[in-house]
């Protein structure tokens, strides 16, 4: 002891531990904020990628009269297409289902909320429930994994045909019909994880 200063090393150690604990808590809080931000960014990027993938297909339809006709006629009555047009329609429908598969995967990983997922499933299902879409799906659904097939098949029971809700585009005068008689309908069902 010099000059009356007494160092209590136990007190210094306790203060050091308290400061260390505050440092750990601050670091954990910072990391939690960063992780939350990274998850939001990943969700946004995933949604942006899904929209861009869909936009590529839609751009083909928008920018080419023949592709637009094949898309419209194929979903309404695919039997009206010739063999080459059926191949083109098949590729358009396949791309739509593959885009949905990526969206389902993102939803399963927590990157999409349920309303966003539900909107994408509704879009795909409303096309596949149309007569030409139903025929295409019946012939090709086995090409997709069971999880995708199950969700689309459930969705097709719960949404109206696209041509019933967007009549001016499709020009089919289809009646709005939903096969499922479930009064809670689509919005109450979360997809099952299998």
C-alpha atoms as a PDB file:
ATOM      1  CA  UNK A   1       0.000   0.000   0.000  1.00  0.00           C
ATOM      2  CA  UNK A   2       1.412   3.352  -1.106  1.00  0.00           C
ATOM      3  CA  UNK A   3      -0.192   6.648  -0.376  1.00  0.00           C
ATOM      4  CA  UNK A   4      -3.234   5.078   1.236  1.00  0.00           C
ATOM      5  CA  UNK A   5      -4.616   3.443  -1.921  1.00  0.00           C
ATOM      6  CA  UNK A   6      -5.897  -0.058  -1.323  1.00  0.00           C
ATOM      7  CA  UNK A   7      -6.751  -2.156  -4.355  1.00  0.00           C
ATOM      8  CA  UNK A   8      -9.356  -4.773  -3.745  1.00  0.00           C
ATOM      9  CA  UNK A   9      -8.768  -7.238  -6.569  1.00  0.00           C
ATOM     10  CA  UNK A  10     -12.000  -9.050  -5.898  1.00  0.00           C
ATOM     11  CA  UNK A  11     -13.952  -5.854  -6.529  1.00  0.00           C
ATOM     12  CA  UNK A  12     -11.966  -5.142  -9.688  1.00  0.00           C
ATOM     13  CA  UNK A  13     -12.646  -8.691 -10.891  1.00  0.00           C
ATOM     14  CA  UNK A  14     -16.378  -8.355 -10.173  1.00  0.00           C
ATOM     15  CA  UNK A  15     -16.546  -5.047 -12.053  1.00  0.00           C
ATOM     16  CA  UNK A  16     -14.697  -6.675 -14.957  1.00  0.00           C
ATOM     17  CA  UNK A  17     -17.202  -9.522 -15.033  1.00  0.00           C
ATOM     18  CA  UNK A  18     -20.141  -7.106 -15.014  1.00  0.00           C
ATOM     19  CA  UNK A  19     -18.613  -5.079 -17.845  1.00  0.00           C
ATOM     20  CA  UNK A  20     -17.917  -8.298 -19.765  1.00  0.00           C
ATOM     21  CA  UNK A  21     -21.527  -9.418 -19.322  1.00  0.00           C
ATOM     22  CA  UNK A  22     -22.777  -6.060 -20.635  1.00  0.00           C
ATOM     23  CA  UNK A  23     -20.433  -6.460 -23.600  1.00  0.00           C
ATOM     24  CA  UNK A  24     -21.827  -9.930 -24.353  1.00  0.00           C
ATOM     25  CA  UNK A  25     -25.424  -8.674 -24.061  1.00  0.00           C
ATOM     26  CA  UNK A  26     -24.685  -5.721 -26.357  1.00  0.00           C
ATOM     27  CA  UNK A  27     -23.006  -8.016 -28.891  1.00  0.00           C
ATOM     28  CA  UNK A  28     -25.928 -10.454 -28.828  1.00  0.00           C
ATOM     29  CA  UNK A  29     -28.395  -7.593 -29.298  1.00  0.00           C
ATOM     30  CA  UNK A  30     -26.386  -6.269 -32.233  1.00  0.00           C
ATOM     31  CA  UNK A  31     -26.220  -9.738 -33.802  1.00  0.00           C
ATOM     32  CA  UNK A  32     -29.986 -10.219 -33.356  1.00  0.00           C
ATOM     33  CA  UNK A  33     -30.632  -6.936 -35.183  1.00  0.00           C
ATOM     34  CA  UNK A  34     -28.232  -7.938 -37.966  1.00  0.00           C
ATOM     35  CA  UNK A  35     -29.845 -11.378 -38.330  1.00  0.00           C
ATOM     36  CA  UNK A  36     -33.327  -9.842 -38.471  1.00  0.00           C
ATOM     37  CA  UNK A  37     -32.119  -7.395 -41.119  1.00  0.00           C
ATOM     38  CA  UNK A  38     -30.452 -10.209 -43.112  1.00  0.00           C
ATOM     39  CA  UNK A  39     -33.674 -12.278 -42.997  1.00  0.00           C
ATOM     40  CA  UNK A  40     -35.739  -9.335 -44.261  1.00  0.00           C
ATOM     41  CA  UNK A  41     -33.216  -8.749 -47.026  1.00  0.00           C
ATOM     42  CA  UNK A  42     -33.242 -12.450 -47.977  1.00  0.00           C
ATOM     43  CA  UNK A  43     -37.049 -12.413 -48.037  1.00  0.00           C
ATOM     44  CA  UNK A  44     -37.106  -9.333 -50.245  1.00  0.00           C
ATOM     45  CA  UNK A  45     -34.464 -10.779 -52.602  1.00  0.00           C
ATOM     46  CA  UNK A  46     -36.328 -14.093 -52.823  1.00  0.00           C
ATOM     47  CA  UNK A  47     -39.586 -12.323 -53.642  1.00  0.00           C
ATOM     48  CA  UNK A  48     -37.805 -10.138 -56.184  1.00  0.00           C
ATOM     49  CA  UNK A  49     -36.313 -13.239 -57.828  1.00  0.00           C
ATOM     50  CA  UNK A  50     -39.740 -14.903 -57.980  1.00  0.00           C
ATOM     51  CA  UNK A  51     -41.290 -11.805 -59.529  1.00  0.00           C
ATOM     52  CA  UNK A  52     -38.435 -11.523 -62.045  1.00  0.00           C
ATOM     53  CA  UNK A  53     -38.736 -15.199 -63.025  1.00  0.00           C
ATOM     54  CA  UNK A  54     -42.469 -14.748 -63.557  1.00  0.00           C
ATOM     55  CA  UNK A  55     -41.855 -11.481 -65.414  1.00  0.00           C
ATOM     56  CA  UNK A  56     -39.576 -13.236 -67.901  1.00  0.00           C
ATOM     57  CA  UNK A  57     -42.412 -15.602 -68.831  1.00  0.00           C
ATOM     58  CA  UNK A  58     -44.956 -12.780 -68.884  1.00  0.00           C
ATOM     59  CA  UNK A  59     -42.667 -10.682 -71.107  1.00  0.00           C
ATOM     60  CA  UNK A  60     -42.757 -13.463 -73.688  1.00  0.00           C
ATOM     61  CA  UNK A  61     -46.535 -13.292 -73.602  1.00  0.00           C
ATOM     62  CA  UNK A  62     -46.725  -9.507 -73.640  1.00  0.00           C
ATOM     63  CA  UNK A  63     -44.220  -9.013 -76.441  1.00  0.00           C
ATOM     64  CA  UNK A  64     -45.311 -11.746 -78.831  1.00  0.00           C
ATOM     65  CA  UNK A  65     -48.846 -12.033 -80.172  1.00  0.00           C
ATOM     66  CA  UNK A  66     -48.471 -15.700 -81.032  1.00  0.00           C
ATOM     67  CA  UNK A  67     -47.166 -16.600 -77.547  1.00  0.00           C
ATOM     68  CA  UNK A  68     -50.020 -14.641 -75.965  1.00  0.00           C
ATOM     69  CA  UNK A  69     -52.527 -16.532 -78.108  1.00  0.00           C
ATOM     70  CA  UNK A  70     -50.964 -19.894 -77.211  1.00  0.00           C
ATOM     71  CA  UNK A  71     -51.039 -18.980 -73.509  1.00  0.00           C
ATOM     72  CA  UNK A  72     -54.698 -17.905 -73.621  1.00  0.00           C
ATOM     73  CA  UNK A  73     -55.965 -20.700 -75.865  1.00  0.00           C
ATOM     74  CA  UNK A  74     -53.852 -23.338 -74.117  1.00  0.00           C
ATOM     75  CA  UNK A  75     -55.384 -22.698 -70.721  1.00  0.00           C
ATOM     76  CA  UNK A  76     -58.909 -22.443 -72.106  1.00  0.00           C
ATOM     77  CA  UNK A  77     -58.812 -25.313 -74.617  1.00  0.00           C
ATOM     78  CA  UNK A  78     -55.416 -26.891 -75.271  1.00  0.00           C
ATOM     79  CA  UNK A  79     -56.980 -29.251 -77.840  1.00  0.00           C
ATOM     80  CA  UNK A  80     -57.339 -26.214 -80.117  1.00  0.00           C
ATOM     81  CA  UNK A  81     -53.528 -25.939 -80.361  1.00  0.00           C
ATOM     82  CA  UNK A  82     -51.466 -27.679 -83.029  1.00  0.00           C
ATOM     83  CA  UNK A  83     -48.582 -29.966 -82.009  1.00  0.00           C
ATOM     84  CA  UNK A  84     -45.914 -27.230 -82.078  1.00  0.00           C
ATOM     85  CA  UNK A  85     -48.153 -24.859 -80.126  1.00  0.00           C
ATOM     86  CA  UNK A  86     -48.779 -27.598 -77.539  1.00  0.00           C
ATOM     87  CA  UNK A  87     -45.010 -27.840 -76.972  1.00  0.00           C
ATOM     88  CA  UNK A  88     -44.805 -24.085 -76.485  1.00  0.00           C
ATOM     89  CA  UNK A  89     -47.798 -24.135 -74.139  1.00  0.00           C
ATOM     90  CA  UNK A  90     -46.221 -27.005 -72.210  1.00  0.00           C
ATOM     91  CA  UNK A  91     -43.084 -24.935 -71.668  1.00  0.00           C
ATOM     92  CA  UNK A  92     -45.078 -21.899 -70.497  1.00  0.00           C
ATOM     93  CA  UNK A  93     -47.121 -23.994 -68.054  1.00  0.00           C
ATOM     94  CA  UNK A  94     -44.031 -25.863 -66.845  1.00  0.00           C
ATOM     95  CA  UNK A  95     -42.212 -22.595 -66.150  1.00  0.00           C
ATOM     96  CA  UNK A  96     -45.210 -21.316 -64.189  1.00  0.00           C
ATOM     97  CA  UNK A  97     -45.212 -24.443 -61.976  1.00  0.00           C
ATOM     98  CA  UNK A  98     -41.419 -24.349 -61.527  1.00  0.00           C
ATOM     99  CA  UNK A  99     -41.676 -20.704 -60.420  1.00  0.00           C
ATOM    100  CA  UNK A 100     -44.317 -21.791 -57.907  1.00  0.00           C
ATOM    101  CA  UNK A 101     -42.027 -24.604 -56.677  1.00  0.00           C
ATOM    102  CA  UNK A 102     -39.347 -22.022 -55.842  1.00  0.00           C
ATOM    103  CA  UNK A 103     -41.941 -19.912 -54.030  1.00  0.00           C
ATOM    104  CA  UNK A 104     -43.120 -22.923 -52.016  1.00  0.00           C
ATOM    105  CA  UNK A 105     -39.511 -23.666 -51.094  1.00  0.00           C
ATOM    106  CA  UNK A 106     -38.994 -20.058 -49.984  1.00  0.00           C
ATOM    107  CA  UNK A 107     -42.196 -20.192 -47.939  1.00  0.00           C
ATOM    108  CA  UNK A 108     -41.069 -23.416 -46.253  1.00  0.00           C
ATOM    109  CA  UNK A 109     -37.796 -21.689 -45.303  1.00  0.00           C
ATOM    110  CA  UNK A 110     -39.668 -18.754 -43.760  1.00  0.00           C
ATOM    111  CA  UNK A 111     -38.703 -16.288 -46.492  1.00  0.00           C
ATOM    112  CA  UNK A 112     -42.322 -15.591 -47.532  1.00  0.00           C
ATOM    113  CA  UNK A 113     -45.258 -14.821 -45.292  1.00  0.00           C
ATOM    114  CA  UNK A 114     -48.466 -16.793 -45.790  1.00  0.00           C
ATOM    115  CA  UNK A 115     -50.437 -14.107 -47.688  1.00  0.00           C
ATOM    116  CA  UNK A 116     -47.608 -13.761 -50.230  1.00  0.00           C
ATOM    117  CA  UNK A 117     -47.368 -17.522 -50.625  1.00  0.00           C
ATOM    118  CA  UNK A 118     -51.150 -17.803 -50.881  1.00  0.00           C
ATOM    119  CA  UNK A 119     -51.257 -15.213 -53.678  1.00  0.00           C
ATOM    120  CA  UNK A 120     -48.705 -17.127 -55.749  1.00  0.00           C
ATOM    121  CA  UNK A 121     -50.489 -20.442 -55.200  1.00  0.00           C
ATOM    122  CA  UNK A 122     -53.798 -18.818 -56.123  1.00  0.00           C
ATOM    123  CA  UNK A 123     -52.312 -17.463 -59.350  1.00  0.00           C
ATOM    124  CA  UNK A 124     -50.990 -20.865 -60.440  1.00  0.00           C
ATOM    125  CA  UNK A 125     -54.065 -22.785 -59.301  1.00  0.00           C
ATOM    126  CA  UNK A 126     -56.472 -20.396 -61.035  1.00  0.00           C
ATOM    127  CA  UNK A 127     -54.746 -21.174 -64.333  1.00  0.00           C
ATOM    128  CA  UNK A 128     -54.516 -24.910 -63.808  1.00  0.00           C
ATOM    129  CA  UNK A 129     -58.194 -25.183 -62.868  1.00  0.00           C
ATOM    130  CA  UNK A 130     -59.179 -23.877 -66.313  1.00  0.00           C
ATOM    131  CA  UNK A 131     -60.129 -26.633 -68.804  1.00  0.00           C
ATOM    132  CA  UNK A 132     -56.867 -26.587 -70.784  1.00  0.00           C
ATOM    133  CA  UNK A 133     -54.832 -26.110 -67.627  1.00  0.00           C
ATOM    134  CA  UNK A 134     -56.610 -28.996 -65.911  1.00  0.00           C
ATOM    135  CA  UNK A 135     -55.909 -31.255 -68.894  1.00  0.00           C
ATOM    136  CA  UNK A 136     -52.228 -30.216 -68.970  1.00  0.00           C
ATOM    137  CA  UNK A 137     -51.882 -30.710 -65.187  1.00  0.00           C
ATOM    138  CA  UNK A 138     -53.496 -34.152 -65.352  1.00  0.00           C
ATOM    139  CA  UNK A 139     -50.973 -35.208 -68.001  1.00  0.00           C
ATOM    140  CA  UNK A 140     -47.898 -33.629 -66.372  1.00  0.00           C
ATOM    141  CA  UNK A 141     -48.348 -33.375 -62.607  1.00  0.00           C
ATOM    142  CA  UNK A 142     -46.296 -36.532 -61.991  1.00  0.00           C
ATOM    143  CA  UNK A 143     -43.246 -34.663 -63.319  1.00  0.00           C
ATOM    144  CA  UNK A 144     -43.235 -32.561 -60.146  1.00  0.00           C
ATOM    145  CA  UNK A 145     -42.363 -33.476 -56.572  1.00  0.00           C
ATOM    146  CA  UNK A 146     -45.217 -34.692 -54.331  1.00  0.00           C
ATOM    147  CA  UNK A 147     -45.182 -31.536 -52.154  1.00  0.00           C
ATOM    148  CA  UNK A 148     -45.752 -29.317 -55.191  1.00  0.00           C
ATOM    149  CA  UNK A 149     -48.455 -31.627 -56.556  1.00  0.00           C
ATOM    150  CA  UNK A 150     -50.276 -31.776 -53.217  1.00  0.00           C
ATOM    151  CA  UNK A 151     -50.341 -28.011 -52.707  1.00  0.00           C
ATOM    152  CA  UNK A 152     -51.428 -27.261 -56.271  1.00  0.00           C
ATOM    153  CA  UNK A 153     -54.138 -29.928 -56.147  1.00  0.00           C
ATOM    154  CA  UNK A 154     -55.481 -28.419 -52.909  1.00  0.00           C
ATOM    155  CA  UNK A 155     -55.251 -24.934 -54.383  1.00  0.00           C
ATOM    156  CA  UNK A 156     -57.177 -25.990 -57.480  1.00  0.00           C
ATOM    157  CA  UNK A 157     -60.089 -26.949 -55.227  1.00  0.00           C
ATOM    158  CA  UNK A 158     -60.189 -23.547 -53.599  1.00  0.00           C
ATOM    159  CA  UNK A 159     -59.826 -20.857 -56.256  1.00  0.00           C
ATOM    160  CA  UNK A 160     -61.989 -19.800 -59.201  1.00  0.00           C
ATOM    161  CA  UNK A 161     -60.779 -20.212 -62.752  1.00  0.00           C
ATOM    162  CA  UNK A 162     -58.651 -17.314 -63.993  1.00  0.00           C
ATOM    163  CA  UNK A 163     -61.016 -16.820 -66.913  1.00  0.00           C
ATOM    164  CA  UNK A 164     -63.924 -16.339 -64.514  1.00  0.00           C
ATOM    165  CA  UNK A 165     -62.260 -13.469 -62.674  1.00  0.00           C
ATOM    166  CA  UNK A 166     -60.450 -11.801 -65.610  1.00  0.00           C
ATOM    167  CA  UNK A 167     -63.104 -12.240 -68.228  1.00  0.00           C
ATOM    168  CA  UNK A 168     -61.968  -9.454 -70.572  1.00  0.00           C
ATOM    169  CA  UNK A 169     -58.536 -11.009 -71.003  1.00  0.00           C
ATOM    170  CA  UNK A 170     -59.664 -14.589 -71.431  1.00  0.00           C
ATOM    171  CA  UNK A 171     -62.950 -13.870 -73.285  1.00  0.00           C
ATOM    172  CA  UNK A 172     -64.468 -17.168 -72.212  1.00  0.00           C
ATOM    173  CA  UNK A 173     -67.471 -15.999 -70.144  1.00  0.00           C
ATOM    174  CA  UNK A 174     -66.716 -18.729 -67.608  1.00  0.00           C
ATOM    175  CA  UNK A 175     -68.842 -18.834 -64.494  1.00  0.00           C
ATOM    176  CA  UNK A 176     -67.143 -18.428 -61.147  1.00  0.00           C
ATOM    177  CA  UNK A 177     -67.111 -21.854 -59.603  1.00  0.00           C
ATOM    178  CA  UNK A 178     -65.130 -23.130 -56.656  1.00  0.00           C
ATOM    179  CA  UNK A 179     -65.148 -26.878 -56.298  1.00  0.00           C
ATOM    180  CA  UNK A 180     -64.368 -26.930 -52.568  1.00  0.00           C
ATOM    181  CA  UNK A 181     -67.442 -26.411 -50.397  1.00  0.00           C
ATOM    182  CA  UNK A 182     -65.311 -25.497 -47.381  1.00  0.00           C
ATOM    183  CA  UNK A 183     -66.883 -22.297 -45.970  1.00  0.00           C
ATOM    184  CA  UNK A 184     -63.546 -21.220 -44.469  1.00  0.00           C
ATOM    185  CA  UNK A 185     -62.042 -21.463 -47.950  1.00  0.00           C
ATOM    186  CA  UNK A 186     -58.502 -20.890 -48.991  1.00  0.00           C
ATOM    187  CA  UNK A 187     -57.337 -18.161 -46.634  1.00  0.00           C
ATOM    188  CA  UNK A 188     -57.775 -20.305 -43.529  1.00  0.00           C
ATOM    189  CA  UNK A 189     -55.521 -23.114 -44.719  1.00  0.00           C
ATOM    190  CA  UNK A 190     -51.800 -23.050 -44.125  1.00  0.00           C
ATOM    191  CA  UNK A 191     -49.900 -25.434 -46.403  1.00  0.00           C
ATOM    192  CA  UNK A 192     -48.993 -28.700 -44.787  1.00  0.00           C
ATOM    193  CA  UNK A 193     -45.300 -29.417 -44.419  1.00  0.00           C
ATOM    194  CA  UNK A 194     -44.655 -32.945 -45.540  1.00  0.00           C
END
